[in-house]
Full PDB file with SEQRES, HELIX, SHEET, SSBOND, CRYST1, ORIGX, SCALE, CONECT and MASTER records, all heavy atoms in Angstrom:
SEQRES   1 A   35  SER CYS ALA ASP SER ARG ARG THR LEU SER GLY TYR VAL          
SEQRES   2 A   35  MET GLY TRP PHE ARG GLN ALA PRO GLY LYS GLU ARG GLU          
SEQRES   3 A   35  PHE VAL ALA THR ILE SER TRP SER GLY                          
SHEET    1 AA1 2 MET A  14  ARG A  18  0                                        
SHEET    2 AA1 2 GLU A  26  ILE A  31 -1                                        
CRYST1    1.000    1.000    1.000  90.00  90.00  90.00 P 1           1          
ORIGX1      1.000000  0.000000  0.000000        0.00000                         
ORIGX2      0.000000  1.000000  0.000000        0.00000                         
ORIGX3      0.000000  0.000000  1.000000        0.00000                         
SCALE1      1.000000  0.000000  0.000000        0.00000                         
SCALE2      0.000000  1.000000  0.000000        0.00000                         
SCALE3      0.000000  0.000000  1.000000        0.00000                         
ATOM      1  N   SER A   1     113.078 108.487  96.223  1.00  0.00           N  
ATOM      2  CA  SER A   1     113.473 107.589  95.159  1.00  0.00           C  
ATOM      3  C   SER A   1     114.499 106.593  95.684  1.00  0.00           C  
ATOM      4  O   SER A   1     115.312 106.915  96.548  1.00  0.00           O  
ATOM      5  CB  SER A   1     114.050 108.375  93.980  1.00  0.00           C  
ATOM      6  OG  SER A   1     114.379 107.509  92.907  1.00  0.00           O  
ATOM      7  N   CYS A   2     114.450 105.390  95.154  1.00  0.00           N  
ATOM      8  CA  CYS A   2     115.383 104.326  95.508  1.00  0.00           C  
ATOM      9  C   CYS A   2     115.942 103.748  94.221  1.00  0.00           C  
ATOM     10  O   CYS A   2     115.186 103.435  93.299  1.00  0.00           O  
ATOM     11  CB  CYS A   2     114.668 103.246  96.320  1.00  0.00           C  
ATOM     12  SG  CYS A   2     115.643 101.767  96.643  1.00  0.00           S  
ATOM     13  N   ALA A   3     117.252 103.592  94.162  1.00  0.00           N  
ATOM     14  CA  ALA A   3     117.895 103.088  92.957  1.00  0.00           C  
ATOM     15  C   ALA A   3     118.919 102.017  93.287  1.00  0.00           C  
ATOM     16  O   ALA A   3     119.578 102.068  94.326  1.00  0.00           O  
ATOM     17  CB  ALA A   3     118.562 104.222  92.195  1.00  0.00           C  
ATOM     18  N   ASP A   4     119.054 101.055  92.390  1.00  0.00           N  
ATOM     19  CA  ASP A   4     120.071 100.014  92.488  1.00  0.00           C  
ATOM     20  C   ASP A   4     120.990 100.156  91.286  1.00  0.00           C  
ATOM     21  O   ASP A   4     120.560  99.981  90.150  1.00  0.00           O  
ATOM     22  CB  ASP A   4     119.446  98.625  92.516  1.00  0.00           C  
ATOM     23  CG  ASP A   4     120.483  97.518  92.444  1.00  0.00           C  
ATOM     24  OD1 ASP A   4     121.619  97.726  92.925  1.00  0.00           O  
ATOM     25  OD2 ASP A   4     120.169  96.440  91.912  1.00  0.00           O  
ATOM     26  N   SER A   5     122.233 100.482  91.541  1.00  0.00           N  
ATOM     27  CA  SER A   5     123.184 100.714  90.466  1.00  0.00           C  
ATOM     28  C   SER A   5     123.846  99.444  89.949  1.00  0.00           C  
ATOM     29  O   SER A   5     124.549  99.487  88.930  1.00  0.00           O  
ATOM     30  CB  SER A   5     124.266 101.695  90.921  1.00  0.00           C  
ATOM     31  OG  SER A   5     125.007 101.168  92.006  1.00  0.00           O  
ATOM     32  N   ARG A   6     123.628  98.310  90.603  1.00  0.00           N  
ATOM     33  CA  ARG A   6     124.338  97.086  90.246  1.00  0.00           C  
ATOM     34  C   ARG A   6     123.498  96.070  89.471  1.00  0.00           C  
ATOM     35  O   ARG A   6     124.016  95.415  88.561  1.00  0.00           O  
ATOM     36  CB  ARG A   6     124.896  96.417  91.505  1.00  0.00           C  
ATOM     37  CG  ARG A   6     125.813  97.327  92.308  1.00  0.00           C  
ATOM     38  CD  ARG A   6     126.624  96.547  93.293  1.00  0.00           C  
ATOM     39  NE  ARG A   6     127.603  95.698  92.634  1.00  0.00           N  
ATOM     40  CZ  ARG A   6     128.491  94.947  93.260  1.00  0.00           C  
ATOM     41  NH1 ARG A   6     128.523  94.930  94.579  1.00  0.00           N  
ATOM     42  NH2 ARG A   6     129.345  94.216  92.570  1.00  0.00           N  
ATOM     43  N   ARG A   7     122.234  95.937  89.818  1.00  0.00           N  
ATOM     44  CA  ARG A   7     121.379  94.965  89.132  1.00  0.00           C  
ATOM     45  C   ARG A   7     119.979  95.500  88.926  1.00  0.00           C  
ATOM     46  O   ARG A   7     119.535  96.370  89.651  1.00  0.00           O  
ATOM     47  CB  ARG A   7     121.317  93.649  89.908  1.00  0.00           C  
ATOM     48  CG  ARG A   7     122.613  92.873  89.932  1.00  0.00           C  
ATOM     49  CD  ARG A   7     122.414  91.511  90.584  1.00  0.00           C  
ATOM     50  NE  ARG A   7     123.636  90.737  90.606  1.00  0.00           N  
ATOM     51  CZ  ARG A   7     124.083  89.990  89.611  1.00  0.00           C  
ATOM     52  NH1 ARG A   7     123.388  89.911  88.479  1.00  0.00           N  
ATOM     53  NH2 ARG A   7     125.215  89.319  89.726  1.00  0.00           N  
ATOM     54  N   THR A   8     119.294  94.921  87.956  1.00  0.00           N  
ATOM     55  CA  THR A   8     117.914  95.268  87.683  1.00  0.00           C  
ATOM     56  C   THR A   8     117.035  94.814  88.844  1.00  0.00           C  
ATOM     57  O   THR A   8     117.200  93.717  89.363  1.00  0.00           O  
ATOM     58  CB  THR A   8     117.439  94.622  86.383  1.00  0.00           C  
ATOM     59  OG1 THR A   8     118.237  95.088  85.294  1.00  0.00           O  
ATOM     60  CG2 THR A   8     115.987  94.968  86.095  1.00  0.00           C  
ATOM     61  N   LEU A   9     116.087  95.662  89.223  1.00  0.00           N  
ATOM     62  CA  LEU A   9     115.192  95.376  90.340  1.00  0.00           C  
ATOM     63  C   LEU A   9     113.913  94.665  89.929  1.00  0.00           C  
ATOM     64  O   LEU A   9     113.081  94.380  90.784  1.00  0.00           O  
ATOM     65  CB  LEU A   9     114.840  96.671  91.076  1.00  0.00           C  
ATOM     66  CG  LEU A   9     115.977  97.416  91.757  1.00  0.00           C  
ATOM     67  CD1 LEU A   9     115.458  98.696  92.393  1.00  0.00           C  
ATOM     68  CD2 LEU A   9     116.644  96.535  92.793  1.00  0.00           C  
ATOM     69  N   SER A  10     113.756  94.373  88.657  1.00  0.00           N  
ATOM     70  CA  SER A  10     112.511  93.796  88.171  1.00  0.00           C  
ATOM     71  C   SER A  10     112.172  92.455  88.811  1.00  0.00           C  
ATOM     72  O   SER A  10     111.005  92.083  88.886  1.00  0.00           O  
ATOM     73  CB  SER A  10     112.554  93.644  86.646  1.00  0.00           C  
ATOM     74  OG  SER A  10     113.605  92.773  86.252  1.00  0.00           O  
ATOM     75  N   GLY A  11     113.159  91.716  89.259  1.00  0.00           N  
ATOM     76  CA  GLY A  11     112.932  90.413  89.861  1.00  0.00           C  
ATOM     77  C   GLY A  11     112.651  90.440  91.352  1.00  0.00           C  
ATOM     78  O   GLY A  11     112.497  89.379  91.961  1.00  0.00           O  
ATOM     79  N   TYR A  12     112.560  91.621  91.945  1.00  0.00           N  
ATOM     80  CA  TYR A  12     112.386  91.750  93.385  1.00  0.00           C  
ATOM     81  C   TYR A  12     111.066  92.398  93.767  1.00  0.00           C  
ATOM     82  O   TYR A  12     110.581  93.301  93.087  1.00  0.00           O  
ATOM     83  CB  TYR A  12     113.513  92.588  93.990  1.00  0.00           C  
ATOM     84  CG  TYR A  12     114.876  91.954  93.912  1.00  0.00           C  
ATOM     85  CD1 TYR A  12     115.716  92.207  92.841  1.00  0.00           C  
ATOM     86  CD2 TYR A  12     115.327  91.107  94.919  1.00  0.00           C  
ATOM     87  CE1 TYR A  12     116.974  91.629  92.758  1.00  0.00           C  
ATOM     88  CE2 TYR A  12     116.584  90.524  94.850  1.00  0.00           C  
ATOM     89  CZ  TYR A  12     117.400  90.792  93.767  1.00  0.00           C  
ATOM     90  OH  TYR A  12     118.643  90.219  93.702  1.00  0.00           O  
ATOM     91  N   VAL A  13     110.518  91.928  94.869  1.00  0.00           N  
ATOM     92  CA  VAL A  13     109.480  92.674  95.560  1.00  0.00           C  
ATOM     93  C   VAL A  13     110.173  93.827  96.281  1.00  0.00           C  
ATOM     94  O   VAL A  13     111.207  93.628  96.925  1.00  0.00           O  
ATOM     95  CB  VAL A  13     108.743  91.780  96.570  1.00  0.00           C  
ATOM     96  CG1 VAL A  13     107.816  92.610  97.451  1.00  0.00           C  
ATOM     97  CG2 VAL A  13     107.965  90.692  95.851  1.00  0.00           C  
ATOM     98  N   MET A  14     109.625  95.019  96.163  1.00  0.00           N  
ATOM     99  CA  MET A  14     110.232  96.188  96.777  1.00  0.00           C  
ATOM    100  C   MET A  14     109.333  96.741  97.876  1.00  0.00           C  
ATOM    101  O   MET A  14     108.112  96.692  97.782  1.00  0.00           O  
ATOM    102  CB  MET A  14     110.486  97.280  95.736  1.00  0.00           C  
ATOM    103  CG  MET A  14     111.401  96.857  94.594  1.00  0.00           C  
ATOM    104  SD  MET A  14     113.058  96.377  95.178  1.00  0.00           S  
ATOM    105  CE  MET A  14     113.623  97.921  95.909  1.00  0.00           C  
ATOM    106  N   GLY A  15     109.966  97.278  98.902  1.00  0.00           N  
ATOM    107  CA  GLY A  15     109.207  97.839 100.001  1.00  0.00           C  
ATOM    108  C   GLY A  15     109.839  99.101 100.548  1.00  0.00           C  
ATOM    109  O   GLY A  15     111.030  99.360 100.340  1.00  0.00           O  
ATOM    110  N   TRP A  16     109.025  99.891 101.225  1.00  0.00           N  
ATOM    111  CA  TRP A  16     109.488 101.062 101.968  1.00  0.00           C  
ATOM    112  C   TRP A  16     109.122 100.879 103.431  1.00  0.00           C  
ATOM    113  O   TRP A  16     107.989 100.499 103.758  1.00  0.00           O  
ATOM    114  CB  TRP A  16     108.863 102.354 101.451  1.00  0.00           C  
ATOM    115  CG  TRP A  16     109.439 102.862 100.160  1.00  0.00           C  
ATOM    116  CD1 TRP A  16     108.966 102.648  98.911  1.00  0.00           C  
ATOM    117  CD2 TRP A  16     110.600 103.690 100.023  1.00  0.00           C  
ATOM    118  NE1 TRP A  16     109.753 103.290  97.988  1.00  0.00           N  
ATOM    119  CE2 TRP A  16     110.763 103.938  98.640  1.00  0.00           C  
ATOM    120  CE3 TRP A  16     111.503 104.250 100.913  1.00  0.00           C  
ATOM    121  CZ2 TRP A  16     111.802 104.726  98.130  1.00  0.00           C  
ATOM    122  CZ3 TRP A  16     112.535 105.029 100.409  1.00  0.00           C  
ATOM    123  CH2 TRP A  16     112.679 105.257  99.040  1.00  0.00           C  
ATOM    124  N   PHE A  17     110.082 101.158 104.295  1.00  0.00           N  
ATOM    125  CA  PHE A  17     109.881 101.127 105.736  1.00  0.00           C  
ATOM    126  C   PHE A  17     110.376 102.441 106.319  1.00  0.00           C  
ATOM    127  O   PHE A  17     111.119 103.177 105.671  1.00  0.00           O  
ATOM    128  CB  PHE A  17     110.637  99.958 106.374  1.00  0.00           C  
ATOM    129  CG  PHE A  17     110.096  98.609 106.014  1.00  0.00           C  
ATOM    130  CD1 PHE A  17     110.392  98.032 104.790  1.00  0.00           C  
ATOM    131  CD2 PHE A  17     109.285  97.911 106.893  1.00  0.00           C  
ATOM    132  CE1 PHE A  17     109.896  96.779 104.448  1.00  0.00           C  
ATOM    133  CE2 PHE A  17     108.784  96.662 106.566  1.00  0.00           C  
ATOM    134  CZ  PHE A  17     109.087  96.102 105.344  1.00  0.00           C  
ATOM    135  N   ARG A  18     109.974 102.721 107.543  1.00  0.00           N  
ATOM    136  CA  ARG A  18     110.453 103.928 108.204  1.00  0.00           C  
ATOM    137  C   ARG A  18     110.677 103.650 109.684  1.00  0.00           C  
ATOM    138  O   ARG A  18     110.068 102.760 110.265  1.00  0.00           O  
ATOM    139  CB  ARG A  18     109.481 105.092 108.020  1.00  0.00           C  
ATOM    140  CG  ARG A  18     108.132 104.900 108.690  1.00  0.00           C  
ATOM    141  CD  ARG A  18     107.191 106.033 108.313  1.00  0.00           C  
ATOM    142  NE  ARG A  18     105.909 105.941 109.003  1.00  0.00           N  
ATOM    143  CZ  ARG A  18     104.891 106.748 108.773  1.00  0.00           C  
ATOM    144  NH1 ARG A  18     104.988 107.719 107.862  1.00  0.00           N  
ATOM    145  NH2 ARG A  18     103.759 106.591 109.458  1.00  0.00           N  
ATOM    146  N   GLN A  19     111.557 104.448 110.276  1.00  0.00           N  
ATOM    147  CA  GLN A  19     111.835 104.302 111.689  1.00  0.00           C  
ATOM    148  C   GLN A  19     112.191 105.655 112.291  1.00  0.00           C  
ATOM    149  O   GLN A  19     113.096 106.330 111.820  1.00  0.00           O  
ATOM    150  CB  GLN A  19     112.976 103.311 111.925  1.00  0.00           C  
ATOM    151  CG  GLN A  19     113.193 102.981 113.386  1.00  0.00           C  
ATOM    152  CD  GLN A  19     114.076 101.763 113.578  1.00  0.00           C  
ATOM    153  OE1 GLN A  19     114.901 101.444 112.723  1.00  0.00           O  
ATOM    154  NE2 GLN A  19     113.893 101.071 114.686  1.00  0.00           N  
ATOM    155  N   ALA A  20     111.467 106.024 113.325  1.00  0.00           N  
ATOM    156  CA  ALA A  20     111.729 107.247 114.056  1.00  0.00           C  
ATOM    157  C   ALA A  20     112.554 106.915 115.297  1.00  0.00           C  
ATOM    158  O   ALA A  20     112.494 105.792 115.805  1.00  0.00           O  
ATOM    159  CB  ALA A  20     110.421 107.919 114.457  1.00  0.00           C  
ATOM    160  N   PRO A  21     113.328 107.874 115.810  1.00  0.00           N  
ATOM    161  CA  PRO A  21     114.127 107.623 117.012  1.00  0.00           C  
ATOM    162  C   PRO A  21     113.275 107.143 118.176  1.00  0.00           C  
ATOM    163  O   PRO A  21     112.236 107.725 118.480  1.00  0.00           O  
ATOM    164  CB  PRO A  21     114.748 108.997 117.309  1.00  0.00           C  
ATOM    165  CG  PRO A  21     114.797 109.674 115.981  1.00  0.00           C  
ATOM    166  CD  PRO A  21     113.544 109.226 115.273  1.00  0.00           C  
ATOM    167  N   GLY A  22     113.701 106.065 118.804  1.00  0.00           N  
ATOM    168  CA  GLY A  22     112.977 105.525 119.939  1.00  0.00           C  
ATOM    169  C   GLY A  22     111.759 104.713 119.595  1.00  0.00           C  
ATOM    170  O   GLY A  22     111.051 104.251 120.498  1.00  0.00           O  
ATOM    171  N   LYS A  23     111.484 104.527 118.306  1.00  0.00           N  
ATOM    172  CA  LYS A  23     110.326 103.759 117.885  1.00  0.00           C  
ATOM    173  C   LYS A  23     110.755 102.572 117.036  1.00  0.00           C  
ATOM    174  O   LYS A  23     111.848 102.555 116.465  1.00  0.00           O  
ATOM    175  CB  LYS A  23     109.355 104.634 117.092  1.00  0.00           C  
ATOM    176  CG  LYS A  23     108.750 105.775 117.887  1.00  0.00           C  
ATOM    177  CD  LYS A  23     107.744 106.548 117.053  1.00  0.00           C  
ATOM    178  CE  LYS A  23     107.110 107.662 117.850  1.00  0.00           C  
ATOM    179  NZ  LYS A  23     106.128 108.426 117.035  1.00  0.00           N  
ATOM    180  N   GLU A  24     109.884 101.588 116.948  1.00  0.00           N  
ATOM    181  CA  GLU A  24     110.182 100.404 116.161  1.00  0.00           C  
ATOM    182  C   GLU A  24     109.983 100.677 114.678  1.00  0.00           C  
ATOM    183  O   GLU A  24     109.273 101.604 114.278  1.00  0.00           O  
ATOM    184  CB  GLU A  24     109.314  99.224 116.608  1.00  0.00           C  
ATOM    185  CG  GLU A  24     107.829  99.430 116.397  1.00  0.00           C  
ATOM    186  CD  GLU A  24     107.008  98.272 116.928  1.00  0.00           C  
ATOM    187  OE1 GLU A  24     107.569  97.431 117.655  1.00  0.00           O  
ATOM    188  OE2 GLU A  24     105.806  98.198 116.623  1.00  0.00           O  
ATOM    189  N   ARG A  25     110.613  99.866 113.861  1.00  0.00           N  
ATOM    190  CA  ARG A  25     110.486  99.982 112.420  1.00  0.00           C  
ATOM    191  C   ARG A  25     109.037  99.754 111.992  1.00  0.00           C  
ATOM    192  O   ARG A  25     108.365  98.847 112.490  1.00  0.00           O  
ATOM    193  CB  ARG A  25     111.407  98.965 111.744  1.00  0.00           C  
ATOM    194  CG  ARG A  25     111.409  99.015 110.227  1.00  0.00           C  
ATOM    195  CD  ARG A  25     112.414  98.013 109.684  1.00  0.00           C  
ATOM    196  NE  ARG A  25     112.118  96.667 110.144  1.00  0.00           N  
ATOM    197  CZ  ARG A  25     112.982  95.658 110.123  1.00  0.00           C  
ATOM    198  NH1 ARG A  25     114.219  95.854 109.682  1.00  0.00           N  
ATOM    199  NH2 ARG A  25     112.618  94.458 110.554  1.00  0.00           N  
ATOM    200  N   GLU A  26     108.572 100.563 111.056  1.00  0.00           N  
ATOM    201  CA  GLU A  26     107.191 100.509 110.619  1.00  0.00           C  
ATOM    202  C   GLU A  26     107.107 100.280 109.113  1.00  0.00           C  
ATOM    203  O   GLU A  26     107.811 100.923 108.332  1.00  0.00           O  
ATOM    204  CB  GLU A  26     106.468 101.810 110.980  1.00  0.00           C  
ATOM    205  CG  GLU A  26     105.004 101.865 110.552  1.00  0.00           C  
ATOM    206  CD  GLU A  26     104.364 103.207 110.824  1.00  0.00           C  
ATOM    207  OE1 GLU A  26     105.101 104.188 111.039  1.00  0.00           O  
ATOM    208  OE2 GLU A  26     103.113 103.282 110.834  1.00  0.00           O  
ATOM    209  N   PHE A  27     106.225  99.390 108.710  1.00  0.00           N  
ATOM    210  CA  PHE A  27     105.985  99.144 107.301  1.00  0.00           C  
ATOM    211  C   PHE A  27     105.236 100.308 106.679  1.00  0.00           C  
ATOM    212  O   PHE A  27     104.276 100.821 107.255  1.00  0.00           O  
ATOM    213  CB  PHE A  27     105.171  97.857 107.133  1.00  0.00           C  
ATOM    214  CG  PHE A  27     104.630  97.659 105.751  1.00  0.00           C  
ATOM    215  CD1 PHE A  27     105.464  97.289 104.706  1.00  0.00           C  
ATOM    216  CD2 PHE A  27     103.283  97.832 105.494  1.00  0.00           C  
ATOM    217  CE1 PHE A  27     104.966  97.099 103.430  1.00  0.00           C  
ATOM    218  CE2 PHE A  27     102.770  97.652 104.225  1.00  0.00           C  
ATOM    219  CZ  PHE A  27     103.614  97.287 103.192  1.00  0.00           C  
ATOM    220  N   VAL A  28     105.657 100.702 105.479  1.00  0.00           N  
ATOM    221  CA  VAL A  28     105.026 101.806 104.770  1.00  0.00           C  
ATOM    222  C   VAL A  28     104.285 101.321 103.531  1.00  0.00           C  
ATOM    223  O   VAL A  28     103.090 101.563 103.378  1.00  0.00           O  
ATOM    224  CB  VAL A  28     106.059 102.876 104.373  1.00  0.00           C  
ATOM    225  CG1 VAL A  28     105.400 103.966 103.526  1.00  0.00           C  
ATOM    226  CG2 VAL A  28     106.697 103.481 105.617  1.00  0.00           C  
ATOM    227  N   ALA A  29     104.995 100.629 102.638  1.00  0.00           N  
ATOM    228  CA  ALA A  29     104.383 100.208 101.382  1.00  0.00           C  
ATOM    229  C   ALA A  29     105.218  99.132 100.715  1.00  0.00           C  
ATOM    230  O   ALA A  29     106.422  99.009 100.962  1.00  0.00           O  
ATOM    231  CB  ALA A  29     104.222 101.395 100.429  1.00  0.00           C  
ATOM    232  N   THR A  30     104.585  98.352  99.842  1.00  0.00           N  
ATOM    233  CA  THR A  30     105.290  97.360  99.049  1.00  0.00           C  
ATOM    234  C   THR A  30     104.677  97.316  97.658  1.00  0.00           C  
ATOM    235  O   THR A  30     103.513  97.677  97.471  1.00  0.00           O  
ATOM    236  CB  THR A  30     105.259  95.968  99.704  1.00  0.00           C  
ATOM    237  OG1 THR A  30     106.082  95.061  98.970  1.00  0.00           O  
ATOM    238  CG2 THR A  30     103.833  95.423  99.756  1.00  0.00           C  
ATOM    239  N   ILE A  31     105.457  96.863  96.697  1.00  0.00           N  
ATOM    240  CA  ILE A  31     105.012  96.794  95.316  1.00  0.00           C  
ATOM    241  C   ILE A  31     105.529  95.510  94.680  1.00  0.00           C  
ATOM    242  O   ILE A  31     106.646  95.074  94.951  1.00  0.00           O  
ATOM    243  CB  ILE A  31     105.474  98.049  94.533  1.00  0.00           C  
ATOM    244  CG1 ILE A  31     104.846  98.092  93.136  1.00  0.00           C  
ATOM    245  CG2 ILE A  31     106.999  98.111  94.453  1.00  0.00           C  
ATOM    246  CD1 ILE A  31     105.016  99.450  92.454  1.00  0.00           C  
ATOM    247  N   SER A  32     104.698  94.904  93.826  1.00  0.00           N  
ATOM    248  CA  SER A  32     105.030  93.630  93.209  1.00  0.00           C  
ATOM    249  C   SER A  32     106.107  93.785  92.143  1.00  0.00           C  
ATOM    250  O   SER A  32     106.502  94.889  91.779  1.00  0.00           O  
ATOM    251  CB  SER A  32     103.773  93.007  92.595  1.00  0.00           C  
ATOM    252  OG  SER A  32     103.258  93.817  91.560  1.00  0.00           O  
ATOM    253  N   TRP A  33     106.566  92.655  91.616  1.00  0.00           N  
ATOM    254  CA  TRP A  33     107.627  92.650  90.607  1.00  0.00           C  
ATOM    255  C   TRP A  33     107.266  93.508  89.398  1.00  0.00           C  
ATOM    256  O   TRP A  33     108.109  94.250  88.892  1.00  0.00           O  
ATOM    257  CB  TRP A  33     107.905  91.220  90.131  1.00  0.00           C  
ATOM    258  CG  TRP A  33     108.307  90.271  91.201  1.00  0.00           C  
ATOM    259  CD1 TRP A  33     109.543  90.102  91.736  1.00  0.00           C  
ATOM    260  CD2 TRP A  33     107.454  89.316  91.850  1.00  0.00           C  
ATOM    261  NE1 TRP A  33     109.525  89.119  92.687  1.00  0.00           N  
ATOM    262  CE2 TRP A  33     108.254  88.615  92.780  1.00  0.00           C  
ATOM    263  CE3 TRP A  33     106.095  88.995  91.747  1.00  0.00           C  
ATOM    264  CZ2 TRP A  33     107.749  87.606  93.597  1.00  0.00           C  
ATOM    265  CZ3 TRP A  33     105.584  87.990  92.562  1.00  0.00           C  
ATOM    266  CH2 TRP A  33     106.408  87.315  93.467  1.00  0.00           C  
ATOM    267  N   SER A  34     106.030  93.390  88.951  1.00  0.00           N  
ATOM    268  CA  SER A  34     105.586  94.106  87.761  1.00  0.00           C  
ATOM    269  C   SER A  34     105.086  95.512  88.063  1.00  0.00           C  
ATOM    270  O   SER A  34     104.959  96.326  87.149  1.00  0.00           O  
ATOM    271  CB  SER A  34     104.479  93.326  87.063  1.00  0.00           C  
ATOM    272  OG  SER A  34     103.322  93.258  87.873  1.00  0.00           O  
ATOM    273  N   GLY A  35     104.796  95.786  89.319  1.00  0.00           N  
ATOM    274  CA  GLY A  35     104.229  97.068  89.687  1.00  0.00           C  
ATOM    275  C   GLY A  35     102.716  97.096  89.659  1.00  0.00           C  
ATOM    276  O   GLY A  35     102.108  98.137  89.937  1.00  0.00           O  
TER     277      GLY A  35                                                      
MASTER        0    0    0    0    2    0    0    6  276    1    0    3          
END                                                                             
């Protein structure tokens, strides 16, 4: 879970990325403003 305690996230494109030690950052998923 990801939460923003300061502002509503409805106006943002959201994404998940991951990175393992010694490896480059990898794209996981993204979701539109409305979902």
